[in-house]
Amino acid sequence: MAKRNKTTARKFAFIMDPLERVLVDKDTTFVFMLEAQFRGHEIYFLGLRDLYARGRQVIARARQCELTRRGMTAATVARRLSAIRQLYRFLYAEGQRKDDPAAVLEGPKRVRALPKTLTLSEVDRLLRVATICDPAAPLAVRLRAARLAWGQAEQDAAVHLQAAGTELADIGE
């Protein structure tokens, strides 16, 4: 990264979230840090836990960093690709282009978040709900009853469980 005149360099400290959680396309603090670094200033960052008072003195534990912009997140690439595809579809539909070059472009793969880990008692409760519901009841009724019995609205759960041939008291805690 090119740097400018070092003779007027200053030190800047930024109080922010941890760097690994910064969304580079949306966080203005990151943009300010990049610009200050580009202008030759020293960049430091610290979190709220790195800032405290000792008596009447303010103490800050700041760490120097050097930033680089490596690219866009997968979601940003997907949004921009979607806009490009729409533009070329429009141009093709309006007769402004004879082809659609964006039609062959592949977007980034979506990363699926891992599911929340259930406790042993939650697994037991879920299995009790699954085994108590009448298997002859429609799947939609059984799924809604199980979801409601899981803890959202017990009164509604009782109605849906009764429709599925089960009493809420049969499920237990």
N, C-alpha and C. Protein backbone atom coordinates (compact mmCIF):
# COMPACT_ATOMS: atom_id res chain seq x y z
N MET A 1 0.85 -1.17 0.00
CA MET A 1 0.00 0.00 0.00
C MET A 1 0.90 1.23 0.00
N ALA A 2 0.65 2.18 -0.86
CA ALA A 2 1.45 3.40 -0.95
C ALA A 2 1.20 4.28 0.25
N LYS A 3 2.27 4.90 0.74
CA LYS A 3 2.14 5.79 1.89
C LYS A 3 2.58 7.18 1.48
N ARG A 4 1.97 8.15 2.12
CA ARG A 4 2.30 9.55 1.82
C ARG A 4 3.34 10.09 2.79
N ASN A 5 3.51 11.38 2.80
CA ASN A 5 4.50 12.11 3.57
C ASN A 5 4.53 11.68 5.04
N LYS A 6 5.67 11.14 5.49
CA LYS A 6 5.81 10.67 6.87
C LYS A 6 6.19 11.80 7.82
N THR A 7 6.57 12.96 7.33
CA THR A 7 7.03 14.04 8.21
C THR A 7 5.91 14.57 9.11
N THR A 8 4.68 14.50 8.67
CA THR A 8 3.55 14.98 9.48
C THR A 8 2.73 13.83 10.04
N ALA A 9 3.35 12.65 10.12
CA ALA A 9 2.62 11.47 10.59
C ALA A 9 2.20 11.65 12.05
N ARG A 10 1.01 11.18 12.34
CA ARG A 10 0.47 11.21 13.69
C ARG A 10 0.06 9.81 14.08
N LYS A 11 -0.26 9.65 15.34
CA LYS A 11 -0.75 8.37 15.84
C LYS A 11 -2.24 8.50 16.10
N PHE A 12 -3.02 7.56 15.54
CA PHE A 12 -4.46 7.54 15.75
C PHE A 12 -4.85 6.23 16.41
N ALA A 13 -5.67 6.31 17.44
CA ALA A 13 -6.20 5.12 18.10
C ALA A 13 -7.70 5.09 17.87
N PHE A 14 -8.21 3.92 17.48
CA PHE A 14 -9.63 3.74 17.20
C PHE A 14 -10.21 2.75 18.20
N ILE A 15 -11.27 3.16 18.89
CA ILE A 15 -12.00 2.27 19.79
C ILE A 15 -13.06 1.58 18.96
N MET A 16 -13.00 0.26 18.91
CA MET A 16 -13.88 -0.46 17.99
C MET A 16 -14.09 -1.91 18.43
N ASP A 17 -14.94 -2.62 17.69
CA ASP A 17 -15.12 -4.06 17.87
C ASP A 17 -13.82 -4.76 17.51
N PRO A 18 -13.65 -6.02 17.92
CA PRO A 18 -12.45 -6.76 17.52
C PRO A 18 -12.32 -6.77 15.99
N LEU A 19 -11.09 -6.68 15.50
CA LEU A 19 -10.85 -6.58 14.06
C LEU A 19 -11.43 -7.76 13.28
N GLU A 20 -11.42 -8.96 13.88
CA GLU A 20 -11.92 -10.12 13.15
C GLU A 20 -13.42 -10.07 12.93
N ARG A 21 -14.15 -9.18 13.65
CA ARG A 21 -15.60 -9.07 13.46
C ARG A 21 -15.99 -7.85 12.63
N VAL A 22 -15.04 -7.11 12.14
CA VAL A 22 -15.33 -5.91 11.36
C VAL A 22 -15.83 -6.30 9.97
N LEU A 23 -16.92 -5.70 9.54
CA LEU A 23 -17.44 -5.90 8.18
C LEU A 23 -16.84 -4.79 7.33
N VAL A 24 -15.82 -5.13 6.56
CA VAL A 24 -15.04 -4.11 5.87
C VAL A 24 -15.86 -3.29 4.88
N ASP A 25 -16.94 -3.86 4.34
CA ASP A 25 -17.75 -3.12 3.39
C ASP A 25 -18.77 -2.21 4.06
N LYS A 26 -18.99 -2.36 5.36
CA LYS A 26 -20.03 -1.60 6.03
C LYS A 26 -19.52 -0.75 7.19
N ASP A 27 -18.33 -1.03 7.69
CA ASP A 27 -17.81 -0.36 8.88
C ASP A 27 -17.03 0.89 8.49
N THR A 28 -17.58 2.05 8.85
CA THR A 28 -16.91 3.31 8.49
C THR A 28 -15.60 3.49 9.26
N THR A 29 -15.51 2.92 10.45
CA THR A 29 -14.27 3.02 11.22
C THR A 29 -13.12 2.39 10.43
N PHE A 30 -13.39 1.26 9.79
CA PHE A 30 -12.36 0.60 8.99
C PHE A 30 -11.91 1.49 7.84
N VAL A 31 -12.85 2.17 7.22
CA VAL A 31 -12.52 3.07 6.11
C VAL A 31 -11.65 4.23 6.61
N PHE A 32 -12.00 4.79 7.77
CA PHE A 32 -11.20 5.88 8.36
C PHE A 32 -9.79 5.38 8.66
N MET A 33 -9.68 4.18 9.19
CA MET A 33 -8.37 3.62 9.51
C MET A 33 -7.53 3.43 8.25
N LEU A 34 -8.15 2.89 7.20
CA LEU A 34 -7.43 2.71 5.94
C LEU A 34 -6.93 4.04 5.38
N GLU A 35 -7.78 5.05 5.42
CA GLU A 35 -7.40 6.36 4.89
C GLU A 35 -6.27 6.99 5.70
N ALA A 36 -6.36 6.89 7.02
CA ALA A 36 -5.31 7.45 7.86
C ALA A 36 -3.99 6.72 7.61
N GLN A 37 -4.05 5.41 7.47
CA GLN A 37 -2.85 4.64 7.18
C GLN A 37 -2.28 5.03 5.82
N PHE A 38 -3.15 5.21 4.84
CA PHE A 38 -2.72 5.61 3.50
C PHE A 38 -1.99 6.96 3.54
N ARG A 39 -2.43 7.84 4.44
CA ARG A 39 -1.80 9.16 4.56
C ARG A 39 -0.53 9.13 5.41
N GLY A 40 -0.11 7.93 5.82
CA GLY A 40 1.17 7.79 6.51
C GLY A 40 1.10 7.83 8.02
N HIS A 41 -0.09 7.82 8.60
CA HIS A 41 -0.22 7.86 10.05
C HIS A 41 -0.12 6.46 10.65
N GLU A 42 0.28 6.39 11.92
CA GLU A 42 0.32 5.12 12.63
C GLU A 42 -1.08 4.83 13.16
N ILE A 43 -1.52 3.59 12.98
CA ILE A 43 -2.88 3.21 13.36
C ILE A 43 -2.82 2.25 14.54
N TYR A 44 -3.65 2.54 15.54
CA TYR A 44 -3.78 1.69 16.72
C TYR A 44 -5.26 1.38 16.91
N PHE A 45 -5.55 0.23 17.48
CA PHE A 45 -6.95 -0.09 17.79
C PHE A 45 -7.03 -0.63 19.21
N LEU A 46 -8.19 -0.44 19.81
CA LEU A 46 -8.47 -0.96 21.14
C LEU A 46 -9.96 -1.18 21.28
N GLY A 47 -10.33 -2.14 22.11
CA GLY A 47 -11.72 -2.40 22.41
C GLY A 47 -12.13 -1.66 23.67
N LEU A 48 -13.39 -1.73 24.01
CA LEU A 48 -13.86 -1.05 25.22
C LEU A 48 -13.19 -1.60 26.47
N ARG A 49 -12.86 -2.90 26.47
CA ARG A 49 -12.21 -3.50 27.63
C ARG A 49 -10.76 -3.07 27.77
N ASP A 50 -10.21 -2.46 26.71
CA ASP A 50 -8.83 -1.98 26.76
C ASP A 50 -8.74 -0.55 27.28
N LEU A 51 -9.86 0.02 27.65
CA LEU A 51 -9.92 1.41 28.11
C LEU A 51 -10.48 1.41 29.53
N TYR A 52 -9.70 1.93 30.49
CA TYR A 52 -10.16 1.93 31.88
C TYR A 52 -9.51 3.09 32.63
N ALA A 53 -9.96 3.32 33.85
CA ALA A 53 -9.44 4.41 34.68
C ALA A 53 -8.74 3.82 35.90
N ARG A 54 -7.63 4.44 36.26
CA ARG A 54 -6.91 4.10 37.48
C ARG A 54 -6.78 5.41 38.26
N GLY A 55 -7.65 5.54 39.26
CA GLY A 55 -7.71 6.81 39.97
C GLY A 55 -8.26 7.88 39.04
N ARG A 56 -7.52 8.95 38.85
CA ARG A 56 -7.93 10.02 37.95
C ARG A 56 -7.26 9.92 36.59
N GLN A 57 -6.55 8.81 36.37
CA GLN A 57 -5.81 8.62 35.12
C GLN A 57 -6.54 7.63 34.21
N VAL A 58 -6.64 7.97 32.93
CA VAL A 58 -7.24 7.08 31.94
C VAL A 58 -6.13 6.24 31.32
N ILE A 59 -6.35 4.94 31.28
CA ILE A 59 -5.38 4.01 30.72
C ILE A 59 -5.99 3.35 29.49
N ALA A 60 -5.21 3.26 28.43
CA ALA A 60 -5.67 2.61 27.21
C ALA A 60 -4.59 1.64 26.74
N ARG A 61 -4.96 0.40 26.52
CA ARG A 61 -4.04 -0.59 25.96
C ARG A 61 -4.35 -0.70 24.47
N ALA A 62 -3.61 0.00 23.67
CA ALA A 62 -3.84 0.01 22.22
C ALA A 62 -2.78 -0.83 21.53
N ARG A 63 -3.16 -1.49 20.45
CA ARG A 63 -2.24 -2.30 19.66
C ARG A 63 -2.12 -1.69 18.27
N GLN A 64 -0.88 -1.58 17.82
CA GLN A 64 -0.66 -1.04 16.48
C GLN A 64 -1.05 -2.09 15.45
N CYS A 65 -1.60 -1.63 14.35
CA CYS A 65 -1.99 -2.56 13.29
C CYS A 65 -1.71 -1.94 11.93
N GLU A 66 -1.64 -2.81 10.96
CA GLU A 66 -1.52 -2.38 9.57
C GLU A 66 -2.62 -3.10 8.81
N LEU A 67 -3.43 -2.35 8.12
CA LEU A 67 -4.61 -2.89 7.47
C LEU A 67 -4.40 -3.05 5.97
N THR A 68 -5.05 -4.06 5.43
CA THR A 68 -5.11 -4.24 3.98
C THR A 68 -6.54 -4.60 3.64
N ARG A 69 -6.94 -4.24 2.47
CA ARG A 69 -8.28 -4.59 1.98
C ARG A 69 -8.11 -5.74 1.01
N ARG A 70 -8.54 -6.92 1.42
CA ARG A 70 -8.30 -8.13 0.63
C ARG A 70 -9.41 -8.47 -0.33
N GLY A 71 -10.52 -7.84 -0.23
CA GLY A 71 -11.60 -8.18 -1.13
C GLY A 71 -12.95 -7.98 -0.46
N MET A 72 -13.97 -8.52 -1.08
CA MET A 72 -15.33 -8.35 -0.60
C MET A 72 -15.83 -9.64 0.03
N THR A 73 -16.81 -9.49 0.90
CA THR A 73 -17.44 -10.67 1.49
C THR A 73 -18.27 -11.37 0.41
N ALA A 74 -18.61 -12.63 0.66
CA ALA A 74 -19.40 -13.40 -0.30
C ALA A 74 -20.77 -12.75 -0.52
N ALA A 75 -21.37 -12.21 0.54
CA ALA A 75 -22.67 -11.55 0.41
C ALA A 75 -22.58 -10.31 -0.47
N THR A 76 -21.49 -9.55 -0.35
CA THR A 76 -21.32 -8.36 -1.18
C THR A 76 -21.14 -8.75 -2.64
N VAL A 77 -20.34 -9.77 -2.89
CA VAL A 77 -20.14 -10.24 -4.26
C VAL A 77 -21.47 -10.71 -4.85
N ALA A 78 -22.26 -11.44 -4.06
CA ALA A 78 -23.55 -11.94 -4.55
C ALA A 78 -24.50 -10.79 -4.88
N ARG A 79 -24.54 -9.75 -4.03
CA ARG A 79 -25.41 -8.59 -4.30
C ARG A 79 -24.98 -7.87 -5.57
N ARG A 80 -23.69 -7.66 -5.72
CA ARG A 80 -23.20 -6.95 -6.92
C ARG A 80 -23.41 -7.77 -8.18
N LEU A 81 -23.19 -9.07 -8.08
CA LEU A 81 -23.43 -9.95 -9.22
C LEU A 81 -24.90 -9.95 -9.61
N SER A 82 -25.77 -9.92 -8.63
CA SER A 82 -27.21 -9.85 -8.89
C SER A 82 -27.56 -8.58 -9.67
N ALA A 83 -26.98 -7.45 -9.27
CA ALA A 83 -27.23 -6.19 -9.97
C ALA A 83 -26.73 -6.25 -11.41
N ILE A 84 -25.57 -6.85 -11.61
CA ILE A 84 -25.01 -6.98 -12.97
C ILE A 84 -25.91 -7.87 -13.82
N ARG A 85 -26.36 -8.99 -13.25
CA ARG A 85 -27.25 -9.89 -13.99
C ARG A 85 -28.54 -9.18 -14.40
N GLN A 86 -29.11 -8.43 -13.47
CA GLN A 86 -30.35 -7.70 -13.77
C GLN A 86 -30.13 -6.68 -14.88
N LEU A 87 -29.00 -5.99 -14.84
CA LEU A 87 -28.69 -5.01 -15.88
C LEU A 87 -28.62 -5.69 -17.26
N TYR A 88 -27.88 -6.78 -17.36
CA TYR A 88 -27.75 -7.44 -18.66
C TYR A 88 -29.06 -8.08 -19.12
N ARG A 89 -29.86 -8.60 -18.17
CA ARG A 89 -31.18 -9.13 -18.55
C ARG A 89 -32.05 -8.01 -19.13
N PHE A 90 -32.01 -6.85 -18.50
CA PHE A 90 -32.78 -5.70 -18.98
C PHE A 90 -32.30 -5.28 -20.37
N LEU A 91 -30.98 -5.15 -20.53
CA LEU A 91 -30.43 -4.75 -21.84
C LEU A 91 -30.80 -5.76 -22.93
N TYR A 92 -30.76 -7.04 -22.61
CA TYR A 92 -31.13 -8.09 -23.56
C TYR A 92 -32.62 -7.99 -23.90
N ALA A 93 -33.46 -7.82 -22.88
CA ALA A 93 -34.91 -7.73 -23.09
C ALA A 93 -35.29 -6.50 -23.91
N GLU A 94 -34.56 -5.41 -23.75
CA GLU A 94 -34.83 -4.17 -24.47
C GLU A 94 -34.20 -4.15 -25.86
N GLY A 95 -33.46 -5.21 -26.20
CA GLY A 95 -32.83 -5.26 -27.52
C GLY A 95 -31.55 -4.45 -27.62
N GLN A 96 -31.02 -3.99 -26.52
CA GLN A 96 -29.79 -3.20 -26.53
C GLN A 96 -28.55 -4.09 -26.66
N ARG A 97 -28.71 -5.36 -26.28
CA ARG A 97 -27.62 -6.34 -26.43
C ARG A 97 -28.19 -7.58 -27.07
N LYS A 98 -27.34 -8.27 -27.82
CA LYS A 98 -27.77 -9.49 -28.48
C LYS A 98 -27.48 -10.73 -27.62
N ASP A 99 -26.72 -10.54 -26.54
CA ASP A 99 -26.39 -11.66 -25.66
C ASP A 99 -26.48 -11.22 -24.20
N ASP A 100 -26.34 -12.17 -23.30
CA ASP A 100 -26.36 -11.89 -21.87
C ASP A 100 -25.10 -12.52 -21.26
N PRO A 101 -23.99 -11.77 -21.23
CA PRO A 101 -22.74 -12.36 -20.74
C PRO A 101 -22.78 -12.72 -19.26
N ALA A 102 -23.67 -12.14 -18.51
CA ALA A 102 -23.74 -12.43 -17.08
C ALA A 102 -24.46 -13.74 -16.78
N ALA A 103 -25.12 -14.31 -17.77
CA ALA A 103 -25.88 -15.54 -17.54
C ALA A 103 -24.98 -16.71 -17.16
N VAL A 104 -23.75 -16.71 -17.59
CA VAL A 104 -22.85 -17.83 -17.30
C VAL A 104 -22.02 -17.63 -16.03
N LEU A 105 -22.13 -16.46 -15.41
CA LEU A 105 -21.34 -16.19 -14.20
C LEU A 105 -21.91 -16.94 -13.01
N GLU A 106 -21.02 -17.52 -12.22
CA GLU A 106 -21.43 -18.22 -11.01
C GLU A 106 -21.16 -17.33 -9.81
N GLY A 107 -22.09 -17.32 -8.88
CA GLY A 107 -21.93 -16.54 -7.66
C GLY A 107 -21.13 -17.30 -6.63
N PRO A 108 -20.79 -16.63 -5.54
CA PRO A 108 -20.04 -17.30 -4.48
C PRO A 108 -20.91 -18.34 -3.78
N LYS A 109 -20.26 -19.33 -3.23
CA LYS A 109 -20.98 -20.37 -2.49
C LYS A 109 -21.38 -19.78 -1.14
N ARG A 110 -22.62 -20.04 -0.74
CA ARG A 110 -23.12 -19.57 0.55
C ARG A 110 -22.63 -20.50 1.65
N VAL A 111 -22.12 -19.93 2.71
CA VAL A 111 -21.69 -20.71 3.86
C VAL A 111 -22.88 -20.84 4.79
N ARG A 112 -23.21 -22.08 5.13
CA ARG A 112 -24.33 -22.30 6.03
C ARG A 112 -23.84 -22.27 7.46
N ALA A 113 -24.60 -21.59 8.31
CA ALA A 113 -24.24 -21.52 9.72
C ALA A 113 -24.54 -22.87 10.37
N LEU A 114 -23.72 -23.23 11.32
CA LEU A 114 -23.96 -24.46 12.05
C LEU A 114 -25.17 -24.29 12.96
N PRO A 115 -25.93 -25.36 13.17
CA PRO A 115 -27.10 -25.24 14.04
C PRO A 115 -26.69 -25.07 15.49
N LYS A 116 -27.60 -24.51 16.26
CA LYS A 116 -27.38 -24.34 17.69
C LYS A 116 -27.28 -25.73 18.32
N THR A 117 -26.39 -25.89 19.25
CA THR A 117 -26.25 -27.16 19.94
C THR A 117 -27.33 -27.28 21.00
N LEU A 118 -28.02 -28.43 21.02
CA LEU A 118 -29.08 -28.65 21.99
C LEU A 118 -28.50 -29.32 23.23
N THR A 119 -29.08 -29.00 24.38
CA THR A 119 -28.69 -29.68 25.61
C THR A 119 -29.35 -31.04 25.63
N LEU A 120 -28.90 -31.91 26.53
CA LEU A 120 -29.45 -33.25 26.63
C LEU A 120 -30.94 -33.21 26.97
N SER A 121 -31.34 -32.30 27.88
CA SER A 121 -32.76 -32.20 28.24
C SER A 121 -33.60 -31.69 27.07
N GLU A 122 -33.04 -30.81 26.25
CA GLU A 122 -33.77 -30.33 25.07
C GLU A 122 -33.95 -31.45 24.06
N VAL A 123 -32.94 -32.29 23.89
CA VAL A 123 -33.06 -33.43 22.97
C VAL A 123 -34.12 -34.40 23.48
N ASP A 124 -34.10 -34.67 24.79
CA ASP A 124 -35.11 -35.56 25.38
C ASP A 124 -36.51 -35.01 25.15
N ARG A 125 -36.70 -33.73 25.39
CA ARG A 125 -38.03 -33.11 25.21
C ARG A 125 -38.46 -33.19 23.75
N LEU A 126 -37.54 -32.91 22.83
CA LEU A 126 -37.86 -32.97 21.41
C LEU A 126 -38.25 -34.39 21.00
N LEU A 127 -37.53 -35.39 21.52
CA LEU A 127 -37.87 -36.77 21.20
C LEU A 127 -39.21 -37.17 21.78
N ARG A 128 -39.53 -36.69 22.99
CA ARG A 128 -40.84 -36.98 23.58
C ARG A 128 -41.95 -36.40 22.71
N VAL A 129 -41.77 -35.16 22.25
CA VAL A 129 -42.78 -34.53 21.39
C VAL A 129 -42.95 -35.35 20.11
N ALA A 130 -41.82 -35.78 19.53
CA ALA A 130 -41.88 -36.52 18.26
C ALA A 130 -42.57 -37.88 18.43
N THR A 131 -42.36 -38.54 19.54
CA THR A 131 -42.94 -39.87 19.71
C THR A 131 -44.39 -39.83 20.19
N ILE A 132 -44.80 -38.74 20.84
CA ILE A 132 -46.17 -38.67 21.38
C ILE A 132 -47.17 -38.26 20.31
N CYS A 133 -46.78 -37.41 19.37
CA CYS A 133 -47.71 -36.95 18.35
C CYS A 133 -48.21 -38.13 17.51
N ASP A 134 -49.48 -38.07 17.17
CA ASP A 134 -50.12 -39.13 16.39
C ASP A 134 -49.50 -39.18 14.99
N PRO A 135 -48.88 -40.29 14.60
CA PRO A 135 -48.25 -40.37 13.28
C PRO A 135 -49.24 -40.25 12.13
N ALA A 136 -50.53 -40.47 12.42
CA ALA A 136 -51.54 -40.37 11.36
C ALA A 136 -51.94 -38.92 11.10
N ALA A 137 -51.61 -38.01 12.02
CA ALA A 137 -51.94 -36.60 11.84
C ALA A 137 -51.10 -36.04 10.69
N PRO A 138 -51.63 -35.05 9.99
CA PRO A 138 -50.85 -34.44 8.90
C PRO A 138 -49.52 -33.88 9.42
N LEU A 139 -48.49 -33.97 8.59
CA LEU A 139 -47.16 -33.53 8.99
C LEU A 139 -47.16 -32.07 9.44
N ALA A 140 -47.89 -31.21 8.74
CA ALA A 140 -47.92 -29.79 9.11
C ALA A 140 -48.46 -29.60 10.52
N VAL A 141 -49.47 -30.36 10.90
CA VAL A 141 -50.05 -30.26 12.24
C VAL A 141 -49.04 -30.73 13.27
N ARG A 142 -48.34 -31.86 12.99
CA ARG A 142 -47.36 -32.38 13.94
C ARG A 142 -46.18 -31.44 14.11
N LEU A 143 -45.70 -30.85 13.00
CA LEU A 143 -44.56 -29.93 13.08
C LEU A 143 -44.93 -28.67 13.85
N ARG A 144 -46.12 -28.12 13.57
CA ARG A 144 -46.56 -26.91 14.28
C ARG A 144 -46.75 -27.21 15.76
N ALA A 145 -47.31 -28.35 16.08
CA ALA A 145 -47.51 -28.73 17.48
C ALA A 145 -46.17 -28.87 18.19
N ALA A 146 -45.21 -29.50 17.54
CA ALA A 146 -43.90 -29.68 18.14
C ALA A 146 -43.21 -28.34 18.35
N ARG A 147 -43.29 -27.45 17.36
CA ARG A 147 -42.65 -26.14 17.48
C ARG A 147 -43.28 -25.34 18.60
N LEU A 148 -44.59 -25.37 18.69
CA LEU A 148 -45.27 -24.62 19.74
C LEU A 148 -45.01 -25.25 21.11
N ALA A 149 -44.98 -26.56 21.18
CA ALA A 149 -44.72 -27.23 22.46
C ALA A 149 -43.29 -26.99 22.91
N TRP A 150 -42.43 -26.67 22.00
CA TRP A 150 -41.02 -26.43 22.33
C TRP A 150 -40.88 -25.22 23.25
N GLY A 151 -41.90 -24.37 23.34
CA GLY A 151 -41.81 -23.30 24.32
C GLY A 151 -42.31 -21.96 23.87
N GLN A 152 -42.98 -21.87 22.73
CA GLN A 152 -43.39 -20.55 22.25
C GLN A 152 -44.75 -20.14 22.80
N ALA A 153 -45.75 -20.99 22.69
CA ALA A 153 -47.10 -20.63 23.16
C ALA A 153 -47.81 -21.89 23.59
N GLU A 154 -47.77 -22.19 24.88
CA GLU A 154 -48.30 -23.47 25.35
C GLU A 154 -49.79 -23.64 25.11
N GLN A 155 -50.54 -22.56 25.17
CA GLN A 155 -51.98 -22.70 24.95
C GLN A 155 -52.26 -23.12 23.51
N ASP A 156 -51.60 -22.47 22.55
CA ASP A 156 -51.75 -22.86 21.15
C ASP A 156 -51.22 -24.26 20.93
N ALA A 157 -50.15 -24.61 21.63
CA ALA A 157 -49.59 -25.94 21.49
C ALA A 157 -50.60 -26.99 21.91
N ALA A 158 -51.32 -26.72 23.00
CA ALA A 158 -52.32 -27.68 23.48
C ALA A 158 -53.39 -27.90 22.42
N VAL A 159 -53.83 -26.82 21.77
CA VAL A 159 -54.86 -26.94 20.73
C VAL A 159 -54.34 -27.80 19.58
N HIS A 160 -53.11 -27.52 19.11
CA HIS A 160 -52.56 -28.26 17.98
C HIS A 160 -52.23 -29.70 18.34
N LEU A 161 -51.78 -29.92 19.58
CA LEU A 161 -51.49 -31.28 20.00
C LEU A 161 -52.78 -32.08 20.12
N GLN A 162 -53.85 -31.44 20.62
CA GLN A 162 -55.14 -32.14 20.70
C GLN A 162 -55.63 -32.50 19.31
N ALA A 163 -55.39 -31.61 18.34
CA ALA A 163 -55.77 -31.90 16.95
C ALA A 163 -54.97 -33.09 16.43
N ALA A 164 -53.76 -33.27 16.96
CA ALA A 164 -52.92 -34.38 16.54
C ALA A 164 -53.14 -35.61 17.41
N GLY A 165 -54.06 -35.51 18.39
CA GLY A 165 -54.37 -36.67 19.23
C GLY A 165 -53.50 -36.79 20.45
N THR A 166 -52.93 -35.68 20.95
CA THR A 166 -52.02 -35.72 22.09
C THR A 166 -52.39 -34.60 23.06
N GLU A 167 -52.21 -34.84 24.35
CA GLU A 167 -52.42 -33.80 25.34
C GLU A 167 -51.07 -33.18 25.69
N LEU A 168 -51.06 -31.89 25.99
CA LEU A 168 -49.84 -31.19 26.34
C LEU A 168 -49.22 -31.79 27.60
N ALA A 169 -50.04 -32.25 28.53
CA ALA A 169 -49.55 -32.84 29.78
C ALA A 169 -48.75 -34.12 29.50
N ASP A 170 -49.01 -34.80 28.38
CA ASP A 170 -48.29 -36.02 28.05
C ASP A 170 -46.81 -35.76 27.73
N ILE A 171 -46.51 -34.53 27.33
CA ILE A 171 -45.15 -34.21 26.89
C ILE A 171 -44.25 -34.00 28.10
N GLY A 172 -44.73 -33.32 29.13
CA GLY A 172 -43.93 -33.07 30.32
C GLY A 172 -42.79 -32.11 30.06
N GLU A 173 -41.99 -31.93 31.05
CA GLU A 173 -40.86 -31.00 30.95
C GLU A 173 -39.55 -31.73 30.96
